[in-house]
Amino acid sequence: MSGIVAAHGPFDPREGERMLDRLAHRGPDGQGSHALDHAWLGHTRLAVVDLAGGAQPLRDSTGTYWLVGDGEIYNHARLRRQLEQRGHVFRSRADQESALHLIEADGLAALSRLWGMFAFAGADTDGHFFAARDTMGIAPLYWVRHDDTTVFASELKAFDPQRRADVEPFPPGHVWTPEGGLAPFRVLADTTPATLPDTPSDEEPTEAVLSAIRESLIGAVERLLEADVPVGALLSGGLDSSLVTAIAARHAHRAGKRFPTFAVGRQDSADLVAARQVAEALGTDHHERVYTDDELIDWVPEVIRVIESFDPSLVHSSVPNLLVSKLAARSVKVVLIGEGADELFAGYGYYGEIDSGAELHQELLSTIEGLHIGGLQRVDRVAGATGLEARTPFLDLDVVELGLSLPAQWKLSGDRPEKWLLRKAFEGWLPDRLLWRPKEQFGQGTGAGDVLGSYYASTVSEEEFEAERGALDPPLRTREEVAYYRLFQRELTGVDPEHLIGRFAGW
């Protein structure tokens, strides 16, 4: 994860430098900026591809086109070959330079050809400017419009306090220009369903369907293993991270290597034990971080500052996530994680209350579209705070398009375990006791949820809860959430949370 700051219109470069300083944690490998007459571009870099030559802002060979970006373009090598055949001269091996030249050659419509996670801002010496964000919203981007100036940044905390009240999330799959305003280039509603065998939805999925699910995820994992730095996985012991690890471990074994995995939890917590069993079964190079209850409690203020949220379910998972990421950062620079499987294959408990395929599909689509201000916000911020890049194979567009094209009736739990379709597709990849292990939320499986819920609820009296719960609409739900909201207000002064902070409905 890197950090970007950009502005179009009148803008004081000193404000840009202050914003970059607040994003220094996202880019320990370098910082740069460039001012044009109508725009300012700034970048803090986490080097994953072209470690020596990929510093940003990027520019073309003539100094006409400039770009700053966060994320990774996974099809950059193919795009580069095509652009070099058309006469484009590249200055580095950086994946995002392919995006710079592609947009220079074919305009902003070419954004739909980029495969990966990205947030960009670009400008040229002729007065043009644009900002764009990937379809899933994996890479973060926020913006604020004041008079004739529009300012962009990777995190809420980057903005000066006087701007924060008007900051909004930049919508995924959209591009903005001063001339044309905000326009979609590729959103989920535009995705083309994958071609599957003609199987009636009221019948069991065929082996061809299961094979399509399996091959799609294998392809995504193997693409995301490509990097110029060491890659590992955060392994919770749950289904999603275990499947990602199983694919990556097989890939590493073919190359004669052991794949690094990292797990966290209280002593003998369910997730820690399960992760240990998965690692042993797959032969990974496994590392553990055991924490105490007091450590969990003490890390919460820092976690709320990092993740820029006060949602209890997000806090419960973010504290162990931050600790395991700190452990992983000692050995690797990229981690694979299992985020997105629950939203594609109906893994959360409240999905089990839905008995209509059409209703379930709409709920899954809604939660996927909201990930960028929920679970993905945790993924990004924790990785950014620890010098890691987190990659999400289940949110690869191939996997998402396939998952959304499957009949939702197949995802209804009924009397079967949640995500049974995904489990069925990967039979034989894990021992059955691990493949069919019942789901636990990450914060619960690590032991964090109970500890944090009990302690932080005790810091707010019932009278205080009744007096403060109406501060937001919808109201704060518990004494614990009030405690987190107080910390959020202290850490992110001036931010308006009602339209910026996702709150998990299933909590």
Protein backbone atom coordinates (compact mmCIF):
# COMPACT_ATOMS: atom_id res chain seq x y z
CA MET A 1 0.00 0.00 0.00
CA SER A 2 1.22 3.44 -0.90
CA GLY A 3 -0.32 6.81 -0.17
CA ILE A 4 -1.46 9.48 -2.60
CA VAL A 5 -2.44 13.13 -2.26
CA ALA A 6 -3.66 15.18 -5.19
CA ALA A 7 -5.40 18.48 -5.82
CA HIS A 8 -6.95 20.25 -8.77
CA GLY A 9 -7.33 24.01 -8.64
CA PRO A 10 -5.75 26.58 -6.33
CA PHE A 11 -3.78 24.66 -3.71
CA ASP A 12 -0.97 25.47 -1.31
CA PRO A 13 1.85 22.90 -1.73
CA ARG A 14 2.55 23.23 2.00
CA GLU A 15 -0.89 21.70 2.66
CA GLY A 16 0.02 18.85 0.33
CA GLU A 17 3.25 18.22 2.18
CA ARG A 18 1.40 18.17 5.51
CA MET A 19 -1.00 15.62 4.06
CA LEU A 20 1.86 13.46 2.79
CA ASP A 21 3.46 13.56 6.22
CA ARG A 22 0.24 12.12 7.71
CA LEU A 23 0.49 9.26 5.17
CA ALA A 24 4.17 8.52 5.79
CA HIS A 25 3.26 5.15 7.35
CA ARG A 26 1.85 4.01 4.00
CA GLY A 27 5.09 4.72 2.17
CA PRO A 28 8.28 3.92 4.06
CA ASP A 29 10.29 3.57 0.81
CA GLY A 30 10.15 7.13 -0.48
CA GLN A 31 8.15 10.32 -0.94
CA GLY A 32 7.76 12.69 -3.88
CA SER A 33 5.58 15.42 -5.34
CA HIS A 34 5.13 17.49 -8.48
CA ALA A 35 3.32 20.77 -9.04
CA LEU A 36 1.69 21.82 -12.31
CA ASP A 37 -0.08 25.12 -13.00
CA HIS A 38 -3.51 23.59 -12.31
CA ALA A 39 -2.70 20.56 -10.13
CA TRP A 40 -0.50 19.10 -7.40
CA LEU A 41 0.44 15.41 -7.09
CA GLY A 42 2.09 13.74 -4.09
CA HIS A 43 3.05 10.17 -3.21
CA THR A 44 4.47 8.06 -0.37
CA ARG A 45 5.79 4.75 -1.66
CA LEU A 46 5.73 1.15 -0.50
CA ALA A 47 8.00 -0.55 -3.05
CA VAL A 48 6.71 -3.94 -4.24
CA VAL A 49 7.51 -3.86 -7.98
CA ASP A 50 10.69 -2.28 -9.44
CA LEU A 51 12.22 -1.47 -6.08
CA ALA A 52 14.97 0.73 -7.49
CA GLY A 53 13.25 2.54 -10.35
CA GLY A 54 9.55 2.90 -9.50
CA ALA A 55 9.55 6.18 -7.56
CA GLN A 56 6.53 8.45 -8.02
CA PRO A 57 5.11 10.74 -9.33
CA LEU A 58 5.51 8.82 -12.59
CA ARG A 59 5.88 10.72 -15.87
CA ASP A 60 6.16 9.93 -19.54
CA SER A 61 9.40 10.45 -21.47
CA THR A 62 8.45 14.01 -22.50
CA GLY A 63 7.31 15.20 -19.07
CA THR A 64 3.79 15.87 -20.40
CA TYR A 65 1.80 13.25 -18.47
CA TRP A 66 2.10 12.71 -14.70
CA LEU A 67 0.49 10.16 -12.37
CA VAL A 68 0.47 9.06 -8.73
CA GLY A 69 -1.11 5.77 -7.73
CA ASP A 70 -1.76 3.32 -4.93
CA GLY A 71 -2.24 -0.43 -5.44
CA GLU A 72 -1.18 -2.95 -8.06
CA ILE A 73 -2.05 -3.46 -11.75
CA TYR A 74 -1.98 -7.22 -12.25
CA ASN A 75 -2.11 -7.19 -16.06
CA HIS A 76 0.60 -4.54 -16.36
CA ALA A 77 3.09 -6.78 -18.20
CA ARG A 78 0.67 -7.56 -21.03
CA LEU A 79 -0.38 -3.91 -21.30
CA ARG A 80 3.26 -2.85 -21.36
CA ARG A 81 4.07 -5.19 -24.26
CA GLN A 82 1.13 -3.83 -26.25
CA LEU A 83 2.07 -0.21 -25.55
CA GLU A 84 5.75 -0.73 -26.40
CA GLN A 85 4.66 -2.16 -29.75
CA ARG A 86 2.81 1.12 -30.31
CA GLY A 87 5.97 3.12 -29.67
CA HIS A 88 5.66 4.03 -26.00
CA VAL A 89 8.94 4.35 -24.12
CA PHE A 90 8.88 3.23 -20.48
CA ARG A 91 11.14 4.77 -17.85
CA SER A 92 10.76 1.99 -15.21
CA ARG A 93 9.34 -1.49 -14.56
CA ALA A 94 6.68 -0.05 -12.24
CA ASP A 95 3.29 -1.67 -12.84
CA GLN A 96 1.48 1.67 -12.67
CA GLU A 97 3.53 3.14 -15.49
CA SER A 98 1.47 0.88 -17.76
CA ALA A 99 -1.62 2.76 -16.56
CA LEU A 100 0.05 6.10 -17.28
CA HIS A 101 0.85 5.16 -20.87
CA LEU A 102 -2.48 3.41 -21.45
CA ILE A 103 -4.43 6.51 -20.44
CA GLU A 104 -2.10 8.71 -22.50
CA ALA A 105 -2.71 6.50 -25.55
CA ASP A 106 -6.40 5.64 -25.29
CA GLY A 107 -7.96 8.07 -22.83
CA LEU A 108 -9.89 7.48 -19.64
CA ALA A 109 -12.17 4.89 -21.28
CA ALA A 110 -9.16 2.55 -21.09
CA LEU A 111 -9.46 2.42 -17.28
CA SER A 112 -11.86 -0.51 -17.74
CA ARG A 113 -8.95 -2.53 -19.16
CA LEU A 114 -6.93 -2.31 -15.94
CA TRP A 115 -7.08 -5.42 -13.76
CA GLY A 116 -6.19 -4.96 -10.14
CA MET A 117 -6.61 -2.67 -7.15
CA PHE A 118 -5.82 0.97 -7.72
CA ALA A 119 -6.46 4.60 -6.90
CA PHE A 120 -4.96 7.12 -9.33
CA ALA A 121 -4.67 10.83 -9.85
CA GLY A 122 -3.12 12.17 -13.02
CA ALA A 123 -2.53 15.44 -14.82
CA ASP A 124 -0.84 16.76 -17.95
CA THR A 125 0.77 20.02 -18.96
CA ASP A 126 -2.22 20.89 -21.20
CA GLY A 127 -4.44 21.43 -18.15
CA HIS A 128 -6.19 18.06 -17.89
CA PHE A 129 -6.72 16.21 -14.61
CA PHE A 130 -8.41 12.99 -13.48
CA ALA A 131 -8.87 10.77 -10.42
CA ALA A 132 -10.09 7.15 -10.48
CA ARG A 133 -10.63 4.16 -8.19
CA ASP A 134 -10.87 0.41 -8.88
CA THR A 135 -14.19 -1.39 -9.29
CA MET A 136 -14.18 -3.08 -5.88
CA GLY A 137 -12.81 -0.10 -3.97
CA ILE A 138 -9.91 -2.18 -2.65
CA ALA A 139 -7.55 0.78 -2.89
CA PRO A 140 -8.82 3.64 -0.71
CA LEU A 141 -9.59 7.13 -1.97
CA TYR A 142 -11.37 10.10 -0.37
CA TRP A 143 -12.10 13.55 -1.74
CA VAL A 144 -13.41 16.95 -0.75
CA ARG A 145 -14.58 19.85 -2.91
CA HIS A 146 -14.15 23.42 -1.65
CA ASP A 147 -14.93 26.26 -4.07
CA ASP A 148 -12.65 25.79 -7.10
CA THR A 149 -10.37 23.25 -5.42
CA THR A 150 -10.81 19.47 -5.24
CA VAL A 151 -8.49 17.53 -2.96
CA PHE A 152 -7.89 13.74 -2.86
CA ALA A 153 -6.10 11.48 -0.38
CA SER A 154 -5.76 7.81 0.60
CA GLU A 155 -6.96 8.22 4.21
CA LEU A 156 -9.28 10.45 6.20
CA LYS A 157 -6.55 11.50 8.60
CA ALA A 158 -4.51 12.97 5.74
CA PHE A 159 -6.83 15.96 5.33
CA ASP A 160 -6.32 19.16 7.30
CA PRO A 161 -8.94 19.43 10.10
CA GLN A 162 -10.81 22.31 8.44
CA ARG A 163 -11.53 20.12 5.38
CA ARG A 164 -12.57 16.93 7.19
CA ALA A 165 -16.25 17.73 7.77
CA ASP A 166 -16.88 17.64 4.00
CA VAL A 167 -14.74 14.65 3.04
CA GLU A 168 -16.53 11.83 1.18
CA PRO A 169 -15.49 8.37 -0.05
CA PHE A 170 -14.63 8.43 -3.75
CA PRO A 171 -16.99 5.88 -5.36
CA PRO A 172 -15.43 2.64 -6.63
CA GLY A 173 -15.41 2.06 -10.37
CA HIS A 174 -15.64 5.79 -11.15
CA VAL A 175 -13.45 8.49 -12.65
CA TRP A 176 -13.65 12.26 -12.09
CA THR A 177 -12.54 15.07 -14.34
CA PRO A 178 -13.15 18.81 -13.87
CA GLU A 179 -14.87 18.96 -17.26
CA GLY A 180 -17.05 15.87 -17.09
CA GLY A 181 -17.56 15.42 -13.36
CA LEU A 182 -18.01 11.94 -11.89
CA ALA A 183 -18.65 9.03 -14.28
CA PRO A 184 -18.56 5.22 -13.96
CA PHE A 185 -16.02 3.30 -16.00
CA ARG A 186 -16.78 -0.15 -14.55
CA VAL A 187 -19.05 -0.97 -11.64
CA LEU A 188 -20.35 -4.31 -10.44
CA ALA A 189 -23.67 -3.87 -12.19
CA ASP A 190 -21.73 -3.76 -15.49
CA THR A 191 -19.84 -7.01 -15.00
CA THR A 192 -20.52 -9.77 -17.49
CA PRO A 193 -21.55 -13.07 -15.84
CA ALA A 194 -19.15 -15.92 -16.36
CA THR A 195 -20.18 -18.60 -18.84
CA LEU A 196 -21.22 -21.73 -16.95
CA PRO A 197 -22.78 -25.01 -18.02
CA ASP A 198 -26.57 -24.80 -18.26
CA THR A 199 -27.42 -26.13 -14.81
CA PRO A 200 -30.88 -25.45 -13.34
CA SER A 201 -30.54 -23.58 -10.05
CA ASP A 202 -32.82 -26.04 -8.24
CA GLU A 203 -30.36 -28.86 -8.92
CA GLU A 204 -27.03 -29.59 -7.24
CA PRO A 205 -24.03 -27.89 -8.90
CA THR A 206 -22.19 -30.12 -11.34
CA GLU A 207 -18.51 -30.94 -11.19
CA ALA A 208 -18.00 -28.43 -14.01
CA VAL A 209 -19.40 -25.68 -11.78
CA LEU A 210 -17.24 -26.74 -8.83
CA SER A 211 -14.21 -26.85 -11.14
CA ALA A 212 -14.95 -23.32 -12.37
CA ILE A 213 -15.02 -22.04 -8.78
CA ARG A 214 -11.82 -23.88 -7.95
CA GLU A 215 -9.87 -22.80 -11.05
CA SER A 216 -11.00 -19.20 -10.72
CA LEU A 217 -9.63 -18.89 -7.18
CA ILE A 218 -6.43 -20.78 -8.04
CA GLY A 219 -5.80 -18.38 -10.92
CA ALA A 220 -6.38 -15.36 -8.69
CA VAL A 221 -4.04 -16.58 -5.95
CA GLU A 222 -1.26 -17.42 -8.38
CA ARG A 223 -1.54 -14.00 -10.05
CA LEU A 224 -1.33 -12.28 -6.69
CA LEU A 225 1.80 -14.18 -5.70
CA GLU A 226 3.81 -12.21 -8.28
CA ALA A 227 6.03 -9.59 -6.64
CA ASP A 228 9.66 -8.50 -6.36
CA VAL A 229 9.47 -8.94 -2.57
CA PRO A 230 8.60 -11.86 -0.24
CA VAL A 231 4.90 -12.87 -0.08
CA GLY A 232 3.07 -14.69 2.73
CA ALA A 233 -0.46 -15.15 4.07
CA LEU A 234 -2.35 -14.19 7.19
CA LEU A 235 -3.81 -17.51 8.34
CA SER A 236 -6.73 -17.43 10.76
CA GLY A 237 -7.51 -21.14 10.51
CA GLY A 238 -10.91 -20.35 9.00
CA LEU A 239 -11.99 -21.62 5.61
CA ASP A 240 -11.15 -18.55 3.51
CA SER A 241 -7.55 -17.93 4.55
CA SER A 242 -6.93 -21.69 4.69
CA LEU A 243 -7.97 -22.16 1.04
CA VAL A 244 -5.85 -19.22 -0.08
CA THR A 245 -2.92 -20.67 1.85
CA ALA A 246 -3.48 -24.16 0.43
CA ILE A 247 -3.22 -22.81 -3.13
CA ALA A 248 -0.20 -20.65 -2.36
CA ALA A 249 1.57 -23.47 -0.50
CA ARG A 250 1.16 -25.85 -3.44
CA HIS A 251 2.54 -23.16 -5.75
CA ALA A 252 5.55 -22.64 -3.45
CA HIS A 253 6.19 -26.37 -3.08
CA ARG A 254 6.42 -26.71 -6.86
CA ALA A 255 9.28 -24.20 -6.70
CA GLY A 256 10.92 -26.09 -3.83
CA LYS A 257 9.97 -23.48 -1.20
CA ARG A 258 7.89 -23.31 1.98
CA PHE A 259 5.21 -20.64 2.00
CA PRO A 260 5.24 -18.26 5.02
CA THR A 261 2.08 -18.05 7.15
CA PHE A 262 1.25 -15.91 10.18
CA ALA A 263 -1.37 -16.41 12.88
CA VAL A 264 -2.44 -14.63 16.06
CA GLY A 265 -4.59 -15.24 19.12
CA ARG A 266 -4.79 -15.69 22.86
CA GLN A 267 -3.05 -18.77 24.19
CA ASP A 268 -4.87 -21.83 22.77
CA SER A 269 -7.66 -19.71 21.20
CA ALA A 270 -9.71 -21.49 18.55
CA ASP A 271 -8.20 -19.63 15.58
CA LEU A 272 -4.63 -20.07 16.76
CA VAL A 273 -5.09 -23.82 17.22
CA ALA A 274 -6.85 -24.20 13.85
CA ALA A 275 -4.20 -22.15 12.04
CA ARG A 276 -1.51 -24.33 13.56
CA GLN A 277 -3.30 -27.44 12.28
CA VAL A 278 -3.71 -25.97 8.78
CA ALA A 279 -0.05 -24.95 8.66
CA GLU A 280 1.03 -28.43 9.73
CA ALA A 281 -1.21 -30.08 7.13
CA LEU A 282 0.08 -27.81 4.35
CA GLY A 283 3.72 -27.73 5.40
CA THR A 284 4.02 -23.94 5.61
CA ASP A 285 6.70 -21.90 7.37
CA HIS A 286 4.43 -20.91 10.22
CA HIS A 287 4.78 -18.03 12.71
CA GLU A 288 2.55 -17.18 15.70
CA ARG A 289 1.89 -14.17 17.88
CA VAL A 290 0.25 -14.88 21.26
CA TYR A 291 -1.21 -11.90 23.11
CA THR A 292 -2.76 -11.24 26.49
CA ASP A 293 -6.11 -9.65 27.36
CA ASP A 294 -4.36 -6.50 28.59
CA GLU A 295 -2.54 -6.12 25.25
CA LEU A 296 -5.84 -6.33 23.37
CA ILE A 297 -7.39 -3.62 25.52
CA ASP A 298 -4.35 -1.34 25.31
CA TRP A 299 -4.16 -1.47 21.49
CA VAL A 300 -7.76 -0.31 20.88
CA PRO A 301 -7.13 3.50 20.78
CA GLU A 302 -4.31 3.01 18.28
CA VAL A 303 -6.44 0.60 16.23
CA ILE A 304 -9.32 3.07 16.01
CA ARG A 305 -6.90 5.76 14.84
CA VAL A 306 -5.46 3.36 12.26
CA ILE A 307 -8.68 1.92 10.82
CA GLU A 308 -10.64 5.21 11.02
CA SER A 309 -13.74 3.41 12.28
CA PHE A 310 -15.60 2.70 15.53
CA ASP A 311 -17.74 -0.22 14.34
CA PRO A 312 -17.41 -2.93 17.05
CA SER A 313 -17.12 -5.86 14.66
CA LEU A 314 -14.37 -4.04 12.78
CA VAL A 315 -12.54 -3.17 16.00
CA HIS A 316 -12.77 -6.78 17.26
CA SER A 317 -11.09 -8.09 14.10
CA SER A 318 -8.67 -5.18 13.65
CA VAL A 319 -6.79 -5.53 16.93
CA PRO A 320 -5.59 -9.10 16.20
CA ASN A 321 -5.21 -8.13 12.53
CA LEU A 322 -2.83 -5.32 13.48
CA LEU A 323 -0.79 -7.59 15.75
CA VAL A 324 -0.45 -10.38 13.19
CA SER A 325 0.44 -7.83 10.50
CA LYS A 326 3.24 -6.47 12.66
CA LEU A 327 4.51 -10.03 12.98
CA ALA A 328 4.29 -10.66 9.22
CA ALA A 329 6.05 -7.39 8.36
CA ARG A 330 9.24 -8.74 9.92
CA SER A 331 9.46 -11.40 7.17
CA VAL A 332 7.42 -10.35 4.12
CA LYS A 333 6.13 -7.25 2.36
CA VAL A 334 2.98 -8.68 0.75
CA VAL A 335 0.30 -10.80 2.44
CA LEU A 336 -2.62 -12.71 0.96
CA ILE A 337 -5.86 -12.64 2.97
CA GLY A 338 -9.29 -14.26 2.70
CA GLU A 339 -11.46 -11.12 2.64
CA GLY A 340 -14.51 -11.32 0.36
CA ALA A 341 -15.43 -15.00 0.53
CA ASP A 342 -18.20 -14.42 3.08
CA GLU A 343 -19.82 -11.82 0.84
CA LEU A 344 -19.59 -13.98 -2.30
CA PHE A 345 -20.60 -17.32 -0.78
CA ALA A 346 -22.91 -16.21 2.08
CA GLY A 347 -20.67 -16.89 5.06
CA TYR A 348 -22.11 -14.57 7.70
CA GLY A 349 -24.62 -15.95 10.20
CA TYR A 350 -27.39 -13.50 9.36
CA TYR A 351 -27.42 -14.71 5.73
CA GLY A 352 -28.77 -17.98 7.12
CA GLU A 353 -31.99 -16.20 8.04
CA ILE A 354 -32.70 -15.55 4.34
CA ASP A 355 -34.67 -18.26 2.52
CA SER A 356 -35.14 -16.57 -0.87
CA GLY A 357 -32.44 -16.83 -3.53
CA ALA A 358 -33.35 -13.46 -5.05
CA GLU A 359 -33.27 -11.75 -1.65
CA LEU A 360 -29.95 -13.36 -0.78
CA HIS A 361 -28.38 -12.25 -4.07
CA GLN A 362 -29.41 -8.64 -3.46
CA GLU A 363 -28.06 -8.76 0.09
CA LEU A 364 -24.74 -10.21 -1.10
CA LEU A 365 -24.44 -7.57 -3.81
CA SER A 366 -25.21 -4.82 -1.31
CA THR A 367 -22.60 -6.02 1.17
CA ILE A 368 -19.97 -6.39 -1.56
CA GLU A 369 -20.65 -2.84 -2.74
CA GLY A 370 -20.25 -1.62 0.86
CA LEU A 371 -16.96 -3.39 1.53
CA HIS A 372 -14.92 -0.31 0.69
CA ILE A 373 -16.17 1.46 3.85
CA GLY A 374 -16.23 -1.74 5.93
CA GLY A 375 -13.98 -4.78 5.85
CA LEU A 376 -11.72 -3.45 3.12
CA GLN A 377 -11.13 -0.33 5.15
CA ARG A 378 -9.70 -2.50 7.94
CA VAL A 379 -7.62 -4.51 5.46
CA ASP A 380 -6.13 -1.43 3.86
CA ARG A 381 -5.48 0.66 6.97
CA VAL A 382 -3.89 -2.14 8.99
CA ALA A 383 -1.63 -3.10 6.09
CA GLY A 384 -0.75 0.55 5.48
CA ALA A 385 0.12 1.05 9.15
CA THR A 386 2.52 -1.89 9.18
CA GLY A 387 4.37 -1.47 5.88
CA LEU A 388 2.54 -4.31 4.12
CA GLU A 389 0.55 -4.67 0.95
CA ALA A 390 -2.55 -6.84 1.47
CA ARG A 391 -3.93 -8.74 -1.54
CA THR A 392 -7.41 -10.24 -1.71
CA PRO A 393 -7.81 -13.19 -4.14
CA PHE A 394 -11.54 -13.59 -3.44
CA LEU A 395 -12.06 -10.01 -4.67
CA ASP A 396 -10.24 -10.54 -7.95
CA LEU A 397 -12.78 -9.51 -10.59
CA ASP A 398 -12.74 -12.96 -12.19
CA VAL A 399 -13.72 -14.53 -8.87
CA VAL A 400 -16.29 -11.84 -8.08
CA GLU A 401 -17.97 -12.09 -11.48
CA LEU A 402 -18.12 -15.86 -11.22
CA GLY A 403 -19.43 -15.75 -7.65
CA LEU A 404 -22.19 -13.29 -8.52
CA SER A 405 -23.20 -15.31 -11.58
CA LEU A 406 -23.87 -18.47 -9.55
CA PRO A 407 -27.51 -19.15 -8.65
CA ALA A 408 -28.03 -17.71 -5.18
CA GLN A 409 -30.15 -20.76 -4.24
CA TRP A 410 -26.89 -22.72 -4.11
CA LYS A 411 -25.64 -20.37 -1.38
CA LEU A 412 -28.64 -20.77 0.95
CA SER A 413 -27.54 -22.63 4.07
CA GLY A 414 -30.65 -24.59 4.97
CA ASP A 415 -29.39 -27.65 6.81
CA ARG A 416 -25.88 -27.35 5.32
CA PRO A 417 -22.83 -25.47 6.66
CA GLU A 418 -22.37 -21.91 5.49
CA LYS A 419 -20.26 -21.57 2.30
CA TRP A 420 -20.87 -25.25 1.58
CA LEU A 421 -20.51 -24.56 -2.16
CA LEU A 422 -16.98 -23.23 -1.70
CA ARG A 423 -16.11 -26.08 0.67
CA LYS A 424 -17.42 -28.63 -1.83
CA ALA A 425 -15.33 -27.12 -4.63
CA PHE A 426 -12.13 -27.63 -2.62
CA GLU A 427 -12.67 -31.10 -1.20
CA GLY A 428 -9.30 -32.80 -0.88
CA TRP A 429 -7.34 -29.57 -0.49
CA LEU A 430 -7.60 -29.62 3.31
CA PRO A 431 -8.30 -32.36 5.84
CA ASP A 432 -12.08 -32.68 6.27
CA ARG A 433 -12.00 -31.59 9.92
CA LEU A 434 -10.49 -28.28 8.76
CA LEU A 435 -12.38 -27.90 5.49
CA TRP A 436 -15.74 -28.30 7.24
CA ARG A 437 -14.85 -26.48 10.46
CA PRO A 438 -17.78 -24.18 11.48
CA LYS A 439 -17.16 -20.49 10.91
CA GLU A 440 -16.16 -18.12 13.71
CA GLN A 441 -15.78 -14.37 13.23
CA PHE A 442 -12.07 -13.50 13.30
CA GLY A 443 -12.45 -11.33 16.39
CA GLN A 444 -14.26 -14.16 18.17
CA GLY A 445 -11.99 -16.99 17.07
CA THR A 446 -8.93 -15.09 18.27
CA GLY A 447 -10.57 -14.37 21.63
CA ALA A 448 -10.65 -10.61 21.03
CA GLY A 449 -14.41 -10.03 20.82
CA ASP A 450 -15.38 -11.15 24.31
CA VAL A 451 -12.45 -9.42 26.00
CA LEU A 452 -12.92 -6.08 24.26
CA GLY A 453 -16.71 -6.12 24.46
CA SER A 454 -16.71 -6.71 28.19
CA TYR A 455 -14.01 -4.20 29.06
CA TYR A 456 -15.11 -1.27 26.88
CA ALA A 457 -18.79 -1.68 27.77
CA SER A 458 -17.76 -1.30 31.42
CA THR A 459 -16.30 2.15 30.69
CA VAL A 460 -19.72 3.58 29.76
CA SER A 461 -22.56 3.72 32.28
CA GLU A 462 -26.16 3.03 31.31
CA GLU A 463 -26.99 6.69 31.91
CA GLU A 464 -24.13 7.81 29.64
CA PHE A 465 -25.26 5.36 26.98
CA GLU A 466 -28.80 6.73 26.94
CA ALA A 467 -27.49 10.29 26.82
CA GLU A 468 -24.96 9.70 24.00
CA ARG A 469 -26.44 6.98 21.78
CA GLY A 470 -28.44 9.50 19.73
CA ALA A 471 -25.30 11.27 18.52
CA LEU A 472 -25.63 9.42 15.19
CA ASP A 473 -28.41 8.20 12.93
CA PRO A 474 -28.91 5.27 13.22
CA PRO A 475 -28.17 5.48 16.96
CA LEU A 476 -25.14 3.92 18.59
CA ARG A 477 -26.18 0.38 19.50
CA THR A 478 -24.34 -0.54 22.70
CA ARG A 479 -22.26 0.89 25.52
CA GLU A 480 -19.21 -0.68 23.86
CA GLU A 481 -19.90 1.19 20.61
CA VAL A 482 -20.28 4.46 22.54
CA ALA A 483 -16.82 3.87 24.05
CA TYR A 484 -15.30 3.33 20.60
CA TYR A 485 -17.11 6.37 19.20
CA ARG A 486 -15.59 8.53 21.93
CA LEU A 487 -12.11 7.33 20.93
CA PHE A 488 -12.90 7.91 17.25
CA GLN A 489 -13.89 11.53 17.93
CA ARG A 490 -10.66 12.07 19.85
CA GLU A 491 -8.44 10.52 17.19
CA LEU A 492 -10.15 11.93 14.06
CA THR A 493 -11.20 15.44 14.99
CA GLY A 494 -13.62 17.03 12.55
CA VAL A 495 -14.62 13.89 10.61
CA ASP A 496 -18.37 13.46 9.98
CA PRO A 497 -18.92 9.70 10.44
CA GLU A 498 -22.52 9.30 9.26
CA HIS A 499 -21.72 9.01 5.53
CA LEU A 500 -18.10 7.90 5.85
CA ILE A 501 -18.10 4.99 8.30
CA GLY A 502 -19.65 1.64 7.47
CA ARG A 503 -21.44 -0.09 10.34
CA PHE A 504 -21.88 -3.82 10.03
CA ALA A 505 -25.61 -4.66 10.09
CA GLY A 506 -25.05 -8.25 11.15
CA TRP A 507 -23.31 -7.32 14.41
